[in-house]
PDB file of all heavy atoms in Angstrom:
ATOM      1  N   ILE A   1     -13.595  -6.105  -7.875  1.00  0.00           N
ATOM      2  CA  ILE A   1     -14.445  -4.910  -7.924  1.00  0.00           C
ATOM      3  C   ILE A   1     -15.371  -4.898  -6.710  1.00  0.00           C
ATOM      4  O   ILE A   1     -15.509  -3.872  -6.037  1.00  0.00           O
ATOM      5  CB  ILE A   1     -15.245  -4.854  -9.235  1.00  0.00           C
ATOM      6  CG1 ILE A   1     -14.310  -4.585 -10.422  1.00  0.00           C
ATOM      7  CG2 ILE A   1     -16.362  -3.804  -9.157  1.00  0.00           C
ATOM      8  CD1 ILE A   1     -14.958  -4.771 -11.790  1.00  0.00           C
ATOM      9  N   GLN A   2     -16.001  -6.032  -6.408  1.00  0.00           N
ATOM     10  CA  GLN A   2     -16.942  -6.105  -5.286  1.00  0.00           C
ATOM     11  C   GLN A   2     -16.252  -5.964  -3.937  1.00  0.00           C
ATOM     12  O   GLN A   2     -16.741  -5.270  -3.056  1.00  0.00           O
ATOM     13  CB  GLN A   2     -17.708  -7.429  -5.330  1.00  0.00           C
ATOM     14  CG  GLN A   2     -18.676  -7.525  -6.464  1.00  0.00           C
ATOM     15  CD  GLN A   2     -19.266  -8.925  -6.601  1.00  0.00           C
ATOM     16  OE1 GLN A   2     -18.699  -9.911  -6.132  1.00  0.00           O
ATOM     17  NE2 GLN A   2     -20.412  -9.021  -7.255  1.00  0.00           N
ATOM     18  N   GLN A   3     -15.116  -6.626  -3.745  1.00  0.00           N
ATOM     19  CA  GLN A   3     -14.472  -6.697  -2.435  1.00  0.00           C
ATOM     20  C   GLN A   3     -13.569  -5.512  -2.124  1.00  0.00           C
ATOM     21  O   GLN A   3     -13.258  -5.262  -0.963  1.00  0.00           O
ATOM     22  CB  GLN A   3     -13.666  -7.995  -2.326  1.00  0.00           C
ATOM     23  CG  GLN A   3     -14.525  -9.233  -2.373  1.00  0.00           C
ATOM     24  CD  GLN A   3     -13.697 -10.508  -2.425  1.00  0.00           C
ATOM     25  OE1 GLN A   3     -12.536 -10.527  -2.029  1.00  0.00           O
ATOM     26  NE2 GLN A   3     -14.290 -11.584  -2.924  1.00  0.00           N
ATOM     27  N   SER A   4     -13.155  -4.760  -3.131  1.00  0.00           N
ATOM     28  CA  SER A   4     -12.241  -3.646  -2.889  1.00  0.00           C
ATOM     29  C   SER A   4     -12.981  -2.480  -2.246  1.00  0.00           C
ATOM     30  O   SER A   4     -14.176  -2.301  -2.437  1.00  0.00           O
ATOM     31  CB  SER A   4     -11.595  -3.197  -4.200  1.00  0.00           C
ATOM     32  OG  SER A   4     -12.580  -2.680  -5.083  1.00  0.00           O
ATOM     33  N   THR A   5     -12.242  -1.695  -1.464  1.00  0.00           N
ATOM     34  CA  THR A   5     -12.801  -0.456  -0.922  1.00  0.00           C
ATOM     35  C   THR A   5     -12.571   0.698  -1.878  1.00  0.00           C
ATOM     36  O   THR A   5     -13.174   1.758  -1.718  1.00  0.00           O
ATOM     37  CB  THR A   5     -12.203  -0.132   0.466  1.00  0.00           C
ATOM     38  OG1 THR A   5     -10.782  -0.120   0.373  1.00  0.00           O
ATOM     39  CG2 THR A   5     -12.642  -1.153   1.495  1.00  0.00           C
ATOM     40  N   GLY A   6     -11.706   0.504  -2.853  1.00  0.00           N
ATOM     41  CA  GLY A   6     -11.463   1.514  -3.858  1.00  0.00           C
ATOM     42  C   GLY A   6     -10.634   0.960  -4.996  1.00  0.00           C
ATOM     43  O   GLY A   6      -9.918  -0.033  -4.836  1.00  0.00           O
ATOM     44  N   ILE A   7     -10.781   1.582  -6.155  1.00  0.00           N
ATOM     45  CA  ILE A   7      -9.973   1.245  -7.327  1.00  0.00           C
ATOM     46  C   ILE A   7      -9.470   2.566  -7.881  1.00  0.00           C
ATOM     47  O   ILE A   7     -10.270   3.473  -8.139  1.00  0.00           O
ATOM     48  CB  ILE A   7     -10.789   0.494  -8.400  1.00  0.00           C
ATOM     49  CG1 ILE A   7     -11.450  -0.757  -7.810  1.00  0.00           C
ATOM     50  CG2 ILE A   7      -9.905   0.132  -9.600  1.00  0.00           C
ATOM     51  CD1 ILE A   7     -12.492  -1.393  -8.723  1.00  0.00           C
ATOM     52  N   VAL A   8      -8.151   2.678  -8.021  1.00  0.00           N
ATOM     53  CA  VAL A   8      -7.575   3.932  -8.501  1.00  0.00           C
ATOM     54  C   VAL A   8      -6.626   3.688  -9.661  1.00  0.00           C
ATOM     55  O   VAL A   8      -6.030   2.620  -9.780  1.00  0.00           O
ATOM     56  CB  VAL A   8      -6.817   4.688  -7.378  1.00  0.00           C
ATOM     57  CG1 VAL A   8      -7.757   5.077  -6.246  1.00  0.00           C
ATOM     58  CG2 VAL A   8      -5.632   3.891  -6.853  1.00  0.00           C
ATOM     59  N   ARG A   9      -6.515   4.702 -10.478  1.00  0.00           N
ATOM     60  CA  ARG A   9      -5.454   4.782 -11.474  1.00  0.00           C
ATOM     61  C   ARG A   9      -4.477   5.780 -10.884  1.00  0.00           C
ATOM     62  O   ARG A   9      -4.869   6.895 -10.512  1.00  0.00           O
ATOM     63  CB  ARG A   9      -6.005   5.266 -12.801  1.00  0.00           C
ATOM     64  CG  ARG A   9      -4.978   5.384 -13.891  1.00  0.00           C
ATOM     65  CD  ARG A   9      -5.635   5.818 -15.182  1.00  0.00           C
ATOM     66  NE  ARG A   9      -4.652   5.961 -16.236  1.00  0.00           N
ATOM     67  CZ  ARG A   9      -4.953   6.275 -17.486  1.00  0.00           C
ATOM     68  NH1 ARG A   9      -6.207   6.488 -17.840  1.00  0.00           N
ATOM     69  NH2 ARG A   9      -3.998   6.385 -18.385  1.00  0.00           N
ATOM     70  N   ALA A  10      -3.213   5.382 -10.741  1.00  0.00           N
ATOM     71  CA  ALA A  10      -2.271   6.231 -10.016  1.00  0.00           C
ATOM     72  C   ALA A  10      -0.844   5.983 -10.473  1.00  0.00           C
ATOM     73  O   ALA A  10      -0.532   4.942 -11.054  1.00  0.00           O
ATOM     74  CB  ALA A  10      -2.383   5.964  -8.520  1.00  0.00           C
ATOM     75  N   LYS A  11       0.017   6.947 -10.155  1.00  0.00           N
ATOM     76  CA  LYS A  11       1.442   6.849 -10.459  1.00  0.00           C
ATOM     77  C   LYS A  11       2.207   6.786  -9.137  1.00  0.00           C
ATOM     78  O   LYS A  11       1.886   7.507  -8.185  1.00  0.00           O
ATOM     79  CB  LYS A  11       1.901   8.064 -11.259  1.00  0.00           C
ATOM     80  CG  LYS A  11       3.362   7.996 -11.686  1.00  0.00           C
ATOM     81  CD  LYS A  11       3.759   9.204 -12.486  1.00  0.00           C
ATOM     82  CE  LYS A  11       3.339   8.969 -13.926  1.00  0.00           C
ATOM     83  NZ  LYS A  11       3.952   9.935 -14.856  1.00  0.00           N
ATOM     84  N   VAL A  12       3.214   5.923  -9.074  1.00  0.00           N
ATOM     85  CA  VAL A  12       4.041   5.790  -7.877  1.00  0.00           C
ATOM     86  C   VAL A  12       5.015   6.968  -7.828  1.00  0.00           C
ATOM     87  O   VAL A  12       5.764   7.207  -8.776  1.00  0.00           O
ATOM     88  CB  VAL A  12       4.820   4.457  -7.877  1.00  0.00           C
ATOM     89  CG1 VAL A  12       5.709   4.349  -6.647  1.00  0.00           C
ATOM     90  CG2 VAL A  12       3.870   3.276  -7.951  1.00  0.00           C
ATOM     91  N   THR A  13       4.995   7.697  -6.692  1.00  0.00           N
ATOM     92  CA  THR A  13       5.870   8.860  -6.554  1.00  0.00           C
ATOM     93  C   THR A  13       6.985   8.633  -5.537  1.00  0.00           C
ATOM     94  O   THR A  13       7.886   9.462  -5.426  1.00  0.00           O
ATOM     95  CB  THR A  13       5.067  10.108  -6.147  1.00  0.00           C
ATOM     96  OG1 THR A  13       4.382   9.840  -4.919  1.00  0.00           O
ATOM     97  CG2 THR A  13       4.061  10.475  -7.238  1.00  0.00           C
ATOM     98  N   GLY A  14       6.942   7.533  -4.793  1.00  0.00           N
ATOM     99  CA  GLY A  14       7.995   7.252  -3.820  1.00  0.00           C
ATOM    100  C   GLY A  14       7.643   6.046  -2.979  1.00  0.00           C
ATOM    101  O   GLY A  14       6.542   5.492  -3.079  1.00  0.00           O
ATOM    102  N   SER A  15       8.591   5.634  -2.127  1.00  0.00           N
ATOM    103  CA  SER A  15       8.348   4.489  -1.238  1.00  0.00           C
ATOM    104  C   SER A  15       9.310   4.534  -0.067  1.00  0.00           C
ATOM    105  O   SER A  15      10.348   5.191  -0.124  1.00  0.00           O
ATOM    106  CB  SER A  15       8.510   3.162  -1.995  1.00  0.00           C
ATOM    107  OG  SER A  15       9.854   2.986  -2.403  1.00  0.00           O
ATOM    108  N   TYR A  16       8.945   3.832   0.984  1.00  0.00           N
ATOM    109  CA  TYR A  16       9.807   3.635   2.147  1.00  0.00           C
ATOM    110  C   TYR A  16       9.339   2.355   2.839  1.00  0.00           C
ATOM    111  O   TYR A  16       8.204   1.907   2.645  1.00  0.00           O
ATOM    112  CB  TYR A  16       9.759   4.834   3.111  1.00  0.00           C
ATOM    113  CG  TYR A  16       8.410   5.024   3.770  1.00  0.00           C
ATOM    114  CD1 TYR A  16       8.140   4.485   5.023  1.00  0.00           C
ATOM    115  CD2 TYR A  16       7.405   5.752   3.144  1.00  0.00           C
ATOM    116  CE1 TYR A  16       6.903   4.650   5.622  1.00  0.00           C
ATOM    117  CE2 TYR A  16       6.173   5.930   3.736  1.00  0.00           C
ATOM    118  CZ  TYR A  16       5.923   5.385   4.978  1.00  0.00           C
ATOM    119  OH  TYR A  16       4.700   5.542   5.565  1.00  0.00           O
ATOM    120  N   SER A  17      10.210   1.761   3.624  1.00  0.00           N
ATOM    121  CA  SER A  17       9.865   0.548   4.376  1.00  0.00           C
ATOM    122  C   SER A  17       9.949   0.840   5.857  1.00  0.00           C
ATOM    123  O   SER A  17      10.775   1.643   6.299  1.00  0.00           O
ATOM    124  CB  SER A  17      10.806  -0.605   4.018  1.00  0.00           C
ATOM    125  OG  SER A  17      10.630  -0.986   2.674  1.00  0.00           O
ATOM    126  N   ALA A  18       9.087   0.177   6.622  1.00  0.00           N
ATOM    127  CA  ALA A  18       9.052   0.368   8.074  1.00  0.00           C
ATOM    128  C   ALA A  18       8.411  -0.853   8.723  1.00  0.00           C
ATOM    129  O   ALA A  18       7.700  -1.618   8.066  1.00  0.00           O
ATOM    130  CB  ALA A  18       8.255   1.618   8.422  1.00  0.00           C
ATOM    131  N   PHE A  19       8.687  -1.003   9.998  1.00  0.00           N
ATOM    132  CA  PHE A  19       8.045  -2.063  10.764  1.00  0.00           C
ATOM    133  C   PHE A  19       6.617  -1.667  11.088  1.00  0.00           C
ATOM    134  O   PHE A  19       6.317  -0.505  11.367  1.00  0.00           O
ATOM    135  CB  PHE A  19       8.802  -2.324  12.073  1.00  0.00           C
ATOM    136  CG  PHE A  19       9.970  -3.250  11.905  1.00  0.00           C
ATOM    137  CD1 PHE A  19      11.220  -2.757  11.624  1.00  0.00           C
ATOM    138  CD2 PHE A  19       9.787  -4.623  12.007  1.00  0.00           C
ATOM    139  CE1 PHE A  19      12.291  -3.607  11.460  1.00  0.00           C
ATOM    140  CE2 PHE A  19      10.854  -5.486  11.844  1.00  0.00           C
ATOM    141  CZ  PHE A  19      12.116  -4.974  11.568  1.00  0.00           C
ATOM    142  N   ARG A  20       5.748  -2.639  11.066  1.00  0.00           N
ATOM    143  CA  ARG A  20       4.378  -2.535  11.579  1.00  0.00           C
ATOM    144  C   ARG A  20       4.236  -3.743  12.483  1.00  0.00           C
ATOM    145  O   ARG A  20       4.067  -4.857  11.996  1.00  0.00           O
ATOM    146  CB  ARG A  20       3.362  -2.540  10.455  1.00  0.00           C
ATOM    147  CG  ARG A  20       1.931  -2.383  10.948  1.00  0.00           C
ATOM    148  CD  ARG A  20       0.970  -2.234   9.772  1.00  0.00           C
ATOM    149  NE  ARG A  20      -0.398  -2.240  10.205  1.00  0.00           N
ATOM    150  CZ  ARG A  20      -1.102  -1.154  10.509  1.00  0.00           C
ATOM    151  NH1 ARG A  20      -0.553   0.033  10.404  1.00  0.00           N
ATOM    152  NH2 ARG A  20      -2.348  -1.266  10.907  1.00  0.00           N
ATOM    153  N   GLY A  21       4.371  -3.521  13.780  1.00  0.00           N
ATOM    154  CA  GLY A  21       4.469  -4.642  14.703  1.00  0.00           C
ATOM    155  C   GLY A  21       5.782  -5.357  14.436  1.00  0.00           C
ATOM    156  O   GLY A  21       6.834  -4.735  14.378  1.00  0.00           O
ATOM    157  N   ARG A  22       5.717  -6.671  14.235  1.00  0.00           N
ATOM    158  CA  ARG A  22       6.923  -7.458  13.961  1.00  0.00           C
ATOM    159  C   ARG A  22       7.181  -7.633  12.475  1.00  0.00           C
ATOM    160  O   ARG A  22       8.161  -8.253  12.086  1.00  0.00           O
ATOM    161  CB  ARG A  22       6.783  -8.822  14.634  1.00  0.00           C
ATOM    162  CG  ARG A  22       6.743  -8.712  16.152  1.00  0.00           C
ATOM    163  CD  ARG A  22       6.519 -10.029  16.826  1.00  0.00           C
ATOM    164  NE  ARG A  22       7.516 -11.012  16.412  1.00  0.00           N
ATOM    165  CZ  ARG A  22       7.467 -12.282  16.731  1.00  0.00           C
ATOM    166  NH1 ARG A  22       6.478 -12.734  17.463  1.00  0.00           N
ATOM    167  NH2 ARG A  22       8.395 -13.107  16.325  1.00  0.00           N
ATOM    168  N   ASP A  23       6.296  -7.105  11.643  1.00  0.00           N
ATOM    169  CA  ASP A  23       6.404  -7.296  10.201  1.00  0.00           C
ATOM    170  C   ASP A  23       6.905  -6.034   9.506  1.00  0.00           C
ATOM    171  O   ASP A  23       6.594  -4.914   9.913  1.00  0.00           O
ATOM    172  CB  ASP A  23       5.050  -7.690   9.612  1.00  0.00           C
ATOM    173  CG  ASP A  23       4.554  -9.016  10.159  1.00  0.00           C
ATOM    174  OD1 ASP A  23       5.370  -9.949  10.278  1.00  0.00           O
ATOM    175  OD2 ASP A  23       3.359  -9.122  10.485  1.00  0.00           O
ATOM    176  N   VAL A  24       7.650  -6.242   8.426  1.00  0.00           N
ATOM    177  CA  VAL A  24       8.129  -5.142   7.605  1.00  0.00           C
ATOM    178  C   VAL A  24       7.144  -4.940   6.459  1.00  0.00           C
ATOM    179  O   VAL A  24       6.697  -5.907   5.833  1.00  0.00           O
ATOM    180  CB  VAL A  24       9.540  -5.431   7.042  1.00  0.00           C
ATOM    181  CG1 VAL A  24       9.985  -4.323   6.093  1.00  0.00           C
ATOM    182  CG2 VAL A  24      10.548  -5.614   8.165  1.00  0.00           C
ATOM    183  N   TYR A  25       6.801  -3.692   6.217  1.00  0.00           N
ATOM    184  CA  TYR A  25       5.962  -3.320   5.084  1.00  0.00           C
ATOM    185  C   TYR A  25       6.698  -2.267   4.262  1.00  0.00           C
ATOM    186  O   TYR A  25       7.420  -1.447   4.804  1.00  0.00           O
ATOM    187  CB  TYR A  25       4.628  -2.713   5.540  1.00  0.00           C
ATOM    188  CG  TYR A  25       3.608  -3.738   5.948  1.00  0.00           C
ATOM    189  CD1 TYR A  25       3.626  -4.313   7.217  1.00  0.00           C
ATOM    190  CD2 TYR A  25       2.602  -4.126   5.070  1.00  0.00           C
ATOM    191  CE1 TYR A  25       2.689  -5.257   7.587  1.00  0.00           C
ATOM    192  CE2 TYR A  25       1.654  -5.069   5.437  1.00  0.00           C
ATOM    193  CZ  TYR A  25       1.706  -5.627   6.699  1.00  0.00           C
ATOM    194  OH  TYR A  25       0.774  -6.558   7.063  1.00  0.00           O
ATOM    195  N   THR A  26       6.463  -2.303   2.952  1.00  0.00           N
ATOM    196  CA  THR A  26       6.907  -1.225   2.088  1.00  0.00           C
ATOM    197  C   THR A  26       5.682  -0.382   1.778  1.00  0.00           C
ATOM    198  O   THR A  26       4.640  -0.910   1.376  1.00  0.00           O
ATOM    199  CB  THR A  26       7.543  -1.765   0.795  1.00  0.00           C
ATOM    200  OG1 THR A  26       8.684  -2.556   1.148  1.00  0.00           O
ATOM    201  CG2 THR A  26       7.984  -0.626  -0.116  1.00  0.00           C
TER     202      THR A  26
END
């Protein structure tokens, strides 16, 4: 709670993966 910049209640509507520099993120 203290360290987060936000807390949300949410539903996942989609996803994709891509490179960010040399690392892959979803």
